[in-house]
Amino acid sequence: FDYDADWAWNVQPHGRGLDYLWLVFDQYRALRALGQSIDILPPSTRDFSGYRLVTVPGMMFLPEDLKAALTASEAIVVFGPRTGARTGSMAIPVPLPPAIPGLDVTVTRAESLRPDMPEPLDGGGALVGYREDLEGRAEARLRTERGAPVMVSNGRLNYLGAWLDQPGFKRLFAELGVAAGLDLLDLPEGVRVRETGAERFWFNTDTQAHEVAGRRLNAVSVLREPR
């Protein structure tokens, strides 16, 4: 989580309700619904060894050494939206963003979307609130129903040029999670799991019991087990 990015989004939100905190939280929610334990790293992190999937949502100023560390890591990395959209002094950078080595994509235009006008993704999910026009030779991994690229990729590197709804984020991270070799779950509403070094905790905040991964989770309960 980058407090400088939070400040930058507050200064230039681009649209009503477009807040860095909620962008981060929406991605967090989708990953947790897929059964993942999430580490929230500070922007000073440069060592990403041990991570299979790293997401960099909306980090408007991306220092060159951090960009180099991410592109050199062995993790699948998802940048965007608005990653690298400003310099440290809030100017538009040259070259245009995201300027990620090894990923041929340029953001040529950005627009906010009305709350009542989501743009459907081809295959499920939708763009909400914010989207970018992407140009370049990188392969389009996600498109709108009209065929416009939404996320482009080259190997482990990905740039997402939109804010997605929960079905869209879950679909995106499910596909990348499979590629990263993560153990994924499709958890029901109210059920989440958290792993530590030696233990696993299952939380059911629902008023109904659930059967998940061969376990019965009673209503409003916590199950603790060894890994």
Protein backbone atom coordinates (compact mmCIF):
# COMPACT_ATOMS: atom_id res chain seq x y z
CA PHE A 1 0.00 0.00 0.00
CA ASP A 2 1.43 3.35 -1.08
CA TYR A 3 0.34 6.43 0.89
CA ASP A 4 1.87 8.71 -1.76
CA ALA A 5 -0.42 7.08 -4.34
CA ASP A 6 -3.37 7.59 -2.02
CA TRP A 7 -2.48 11.29 -1.80
CA ALA A 8 -2.05 11.54 -5.58
CA TRP A 9 -5.46 9.94 -6.23
CA ASN A 10 -7.04 12.37 -3.76
CA VAL A 11 -5.44 15.31 -5.61
CA GLN A 12 -6.45 14.00 -9.06
CA PRO A 13 -9.17 11.36 -8.59
CA HIS A 14 -10.28 11.55 -12.25
CA GLY A 15 -13.89 10.91 -11.24
CA ARG A 16 -16.30 10.86 -8.33
CA GLY A 17 -15.74 7.87 -6.06
CA LEU A 18 -12.41 6.89 -7.65
CA ASP A 19 -10.29 6.36 -4.56
CA TYR A 20 -6.97 4.50 -4.36
CA LEU A 21 -7.93 2.82 -1.09
CA TRP A 22 -11.04 1.30 -2.63
CA LEU A 23 -9.16 0.15 -5.73
CA VAL A 24 -6.70 -1.70 -3.49
CA PHE A 25 -9.54 -3.05 -1.37
CA ASP A 26 -11.50 -4.30 -4.39
CA GLN A 27 -8.49 -6.30 -5.56
CA TYR A 28 -7.91 -7.54 -2.00
CA ARG A 29 -11.54 -8.70 -1.74
CA ALA A 30 -11.31 -10.65 -4.98
CA LEU A 31 -8.10 -12.41 -3.95
CA ARG A 32 -9.47 -13.26 -0.50
CA ALA A 33 -12.62 -14.69 -2.09
CA LEU A 34 -10.29 -17.01 -4.04
CA GLY A 35 -8.83 -18.31 -0.77
CA GLN A 36 -5.58 -16.36 -0.85
CA SER A 37 -3.60 -14.99 2.09
CA ILE A 38 -2.44 -11.48 1.19
CA ASP A 39 0.71 -9.63 2.24
CA ILE A 40 0.32 -5.85 1.96
CA LEU A 41 3.82 -4.59 1.16
CA PRO A 42 5.21 -1.06 1.57
CA PRO A 43 6.46 0.79 -1.53
CA SER A 44 10.00 0.48 -0.17
CA THR A 45 9.98 -3.28 -0.95
CA ARG A 46 12.54 -4.36 -3.53
CA ASP A 47 12.86 -8.10 -2.82
CA PHE A 48 9.92 -10.10 -4.17
CA SER A 49 11.47 -13.55 -3.86
CA GLY A 50 8.97 -16.12 -2.60
CA TYR A 51 5.96 -14.40 -4.17
CA ARG A 52 4.22 -16.02 -7.13
CA LEU A 53 1.77 -13.19 -7.83
CA VAL A 54 2.24 -9.46 -7.16
CA THR A 55 -0.36 -6.81 -7.92
CA VAL A 56 0.52 -3.09 -8.15
CA PRO A 57 -2.82 -1.26 -8.34
CA GLY A 58 -2.84 2.44 -9.07
CA MET A 59 0.68 3.36 -7.93
CA MET A 60 0.73 6.69 -9.77
CA PHE A 61 4.46 7.32 -9.23
CA LEU A 62 6.50 4.15 -9.79
CA PRO A 63 10.20 4.65 -8.96
CA GLU A 64 12.58 3.22 -11.55
CA ASP A 65 14.33 0.91 -9.06
CA LEU A 66 10.98 -0.53 -7.95
CA LYS A 67 9.94 -1.00 -11.57
CA ALA A 68 13.24 -2.81 -12.23
CA ALA A 69 12.80 -5.03 -9.16
CA LEU A 70 9.28 -6.01 -10.18
CA THR A 71 10.14 -6.76 -13.80
CA ALA A 72 13.19 -8.80 -12.72
CA SER A 73 11.28 -10.85 -10.15
CA GLU A 74 10.03 -14.38 -10.81
CA ALA A 75 6.46 -13.44 -9.87
CA ILE A 76 3.56 -12.80 -12.20
CA VAL A 77 3.09 -9.02 -11.88
CA VAL A 78 -0.08 -7.03 -12.57
CA PHE A 79 0.38 -3.25 -12.93
CA GLY A 80 -2.37 -0.68 -13.17
CA PRO A 81 -4.67 1.08 -13.57
CA ARG A 82 -2.92 4.49 -13.45
CA THR A 83 0.40 2.88 -12.50
CA GLY A 84 3.19 5.27 -13.49
CA ALA A 85 0.69 7.91 -14.65
CA ARG A 86 2.56 10.76 -12.92
CA THR A 87 6.09 11.74 -11.99
CA GLY A 88 7.07 12.45 -8.40
CA SER A 89 6.06 16.09 -8.97
CA MET A 90 2.65 15.12 -10.45
CA ALA A 91 3.60 15.84 -14.08
CA ILE A 92 2.66 13.57 -16.99
CA PRO A 93 5.77 11.46 -17.65
CA VAL A 94 7.67 11.10 -20.91
CA PRO A 95 7.50 8.47 -22.30
CA LEU A 96 3.81 8.06 -21.61
CA PRO A 97 2.76 5.51 -18.98
CA PRO A 98 3.13 2.82 -17.98
CA ALA A 99 6.61 2.59 -19.61
CA ILE A 100 7.30 -0.92 -18.32
CA PRO A 101 10.42 -2.57 -19.80
CA GLY A 102 9.49 -5.68 -21.76
CA LEU A 103 5.80 -4.74 -22.08
CA ASP A 104 4.89 -2.86 -25.26
CA VAL A 105 1.85 -0.86 -24.17
CA THR A 106 1.05 2.85 -23.92
CA VAL A 107 -1.94 4.54 -22.29
CA THR A 108 -3.19 7.01 -24.90
CA ARG A 109 -6.42 8.14 -23.26
CA ALA A 110 -8.26 7.77 -19.95
CA GLU A 111 -11.88 8.33 -19.02
CA SER A 112 -14.20 7.94 -16.07
CA LEU A 113 -17.39 5.89 -16.44
CA ARG A 114 -20.79 6.75 -15.03
CA PRO A 115 -21.83 4.52 -12.10
CA ASP A 116 -24.86 3.33 -14.08
CA MET A 117 -22.84 2.53 -17.22
CA PRO A 118 -20.47 -0.42 -16.63
CA GLU A 119 -18.77 -1.72 -19.77
CA PRO A 120 -19.03 -5.52 -20.10
CA LEU A 121 -15.94 -7.68 -20.50
CA ASP A 122 -15.90 -10.38 -23.13
CA GLY A 123 -16.39 -13.56 -21.12
CA GLY A 124 -17.82 -12.07 -17.92
CA GLY A 125 -17.30 -9.18 -15.53
CA ALA A 126 -17.27 -5.48 -16.34
CA LEU A 127 -15.28 -2.25 -16.29
CA VAL A 128 -16.58 0.20 -13.68
CA GLY A 129 -15.63 3.77 -12.84
CA TYR A 130 -12.46 4.15 -14.89
CA ARG A 131 -10.86 2.86 -18.09
CA GLU A 132 -7.88 3.56 -20.34
CA ASP A 133 -7.25 3.19 -24.06
CA LEU A 134 -4.24 0.92 -24.58
CA GLU A 135 -2.01 0.81 -27.66
CA GLY A 136 1.00 -1.38 -28.42
CA ARG A 137 2.07 -4.84 -29.52
CA ALA A 138 1.59 -6.62 -26.18
CA GLU A 139 -0.96 -9.45 -26.31
CA ALA A 140 -4.47 -8.54 -25.15
CA ARG A 141 -5.46 -10.98 -22.43
CA LEU A 142 -8.75 -9.29 -21.51
CA ARG A 143 -11.03 -7.37 -23.87
CA THR A 144 -14.36 -5.60 -23.69
CA GLU A 145 -17.32 -7.06 -25.56
CA ARG A 146 -16.56 -4.45 -28.25
CA GLY A 147 -13.02 -5.80 -28.62
CA ALA A 148 -11.01 -3.05 -26.90
CA PRO A 149 -7.98 -4.33 -24.94
CA VAL A 150 -8.34 -4.11 -21.15
CA MET A 151 -5.33 -6.08 -19.94
CA VAL A 152 -2.23 -6.79 -22.03
CA SER A 153 0.56 -9.22 -21.26
CA ASN A 154 4.04 -10.35 -22.15
CA GLY A 155 5.19 -13.39 -20.22
CA ARG A 156 4.92 -12.64 -16.49
CA LEU A 157 4.21 -8.93 -16.98
CA ASN A 158 0.66 -7.61 -17.24
CA TYR A 159 -0.90 -4.15 -17.43
CA LEU A 160 -4.55 -3.69 -16.50
CA GLY A 161 -6.03 -0.48 -17.89
CA ALA A 162 -9.33 -0.42 -15.99
CA TRP A 163 -11.10 -0.71 -12.67
CA LEU A 164 -13.12 -3.95 -12.68
CA ASP A 165 -16.15 -5.12 -10.73
CA GLN A 166 -15.82 -8.10 -8.37
CA PRO A 167 -16.70 -10.75 -11.00
CA GLY A 168 -14.10 -9.17 -13.29
CA PHE A 169 -11.35 -9.05 -10.66
CA LYS A 170 -12.12 -12.61 -9.51
CA ARG A 171 -11.97 -13.89 -13.08
CA LEU A 172 -8.70 -12.03 -13.71
CA PHE A 173 -6.98 -13.28 -10.56
CA ALA A 174 -8.31 -16.81 -11.02
CA GLU A 175 -6.66 -16.99 -14.45
CA LEU A 176 -3.40 -15.48 -13.22
CA GLY A 177 -3.49 -17.60 -10.07
CA VAL A 178 -3.66 -20.78 -12.13
CA ALA A 179 -0.71 -19.58 -14.20
CA ALA A 180 1.19 -18.79 -10.99
CA GLY A 181 0.50 -22.23 -9.52
CA LEU A 182 -1.59 -20.95 -6.60
CA ASP A 183 -4.10 -23.15 -4.78
CA LEU A 184 -7.39 -21.42 -5.50
CA LEU A 185 -10.80 -21.75 -3.86
CA ASP A 186 -14.18 -20.25 -4.69
CA LEU A 187 -15.30 -19.28 -1.21
CA PRO A 188 -18.94 -18.45 -0.42
CA GLU A 189 -19.89 -15.02 0.89
CA GLY A 190 -18.90 -14.67 4.53
CA VAL A 191 -16.24 -17.41 4.46
CA ARG A 192 -12.54 -16.61 4.33
CA VAL A 193 -9.30 -18.44 5.10
CA ARG A 194 -5.94 -17.16 6.35
CA GLU A 195 -2.69 -19.13 6.45
CA THR A 196 0.27 -18.47 8.71
CA GLY A 197 3.59 -20.30 8.76
CA ALA A 198 2.26 -23.35 10.60
CA GLU A 199 -1.51 -22.92 10.86
CA ARG A 200 -4.64 -22.24 8.85
CA PHE A 201 -7.68 -20.32 10.12
CA TRP A 202 -11.15 -20.57 8.59
CA PHE A 203 -13.63 -17.79 9.34
CA ASN A 204 -17.37 -18.05 8.76
CA THR A 205 -19.15 -14.76 9.47
CA ASP A 206 -22.34 -15.98 7.84
CA THR A 207 -25.41 -16.92 9.89
CA GLN A 208 -25.52 -20.24 8.03
CA ALA A 209 -23.12 -23.17 8.10
CA HIS A 210 -21.03 -23.93 5.00
CA GLU A 211 -19.22 -26.98 3.64
CA VAL A 212 -15.88 -25.78 2.23
CA ALA A 213 -13.00 -27.93 0.99
CA GLY A 214 -14.21 -30.96 2.95
CA ARG A 215 -14.80 -29.02 6.17
CA ARG A 216 -18.00 -28.03 7.91
CA LEU A 217 -17.86 -24.44 9.09
CA ASN A 218 -20.60 -23.72 11.60
CA ALA A 219 -22.43 -20.41 11.49
CA VAL A 220 -20.39 -17.50 12.93
CA SER A 221 -17.38 -19.66 13.75
CA VAL A 222 -13.60 -19.96 13.52
CA LEU A 223 -11.80 -23.20 12.71
CA ARG A 224 -8.10 -23.49 13.53
CA GLU A 225 -6.02 -26.29 12.04
CA PRO A 226 -2.36 -27.14 11.31
CA ARG A 227 -1.11 -26.69 7.76
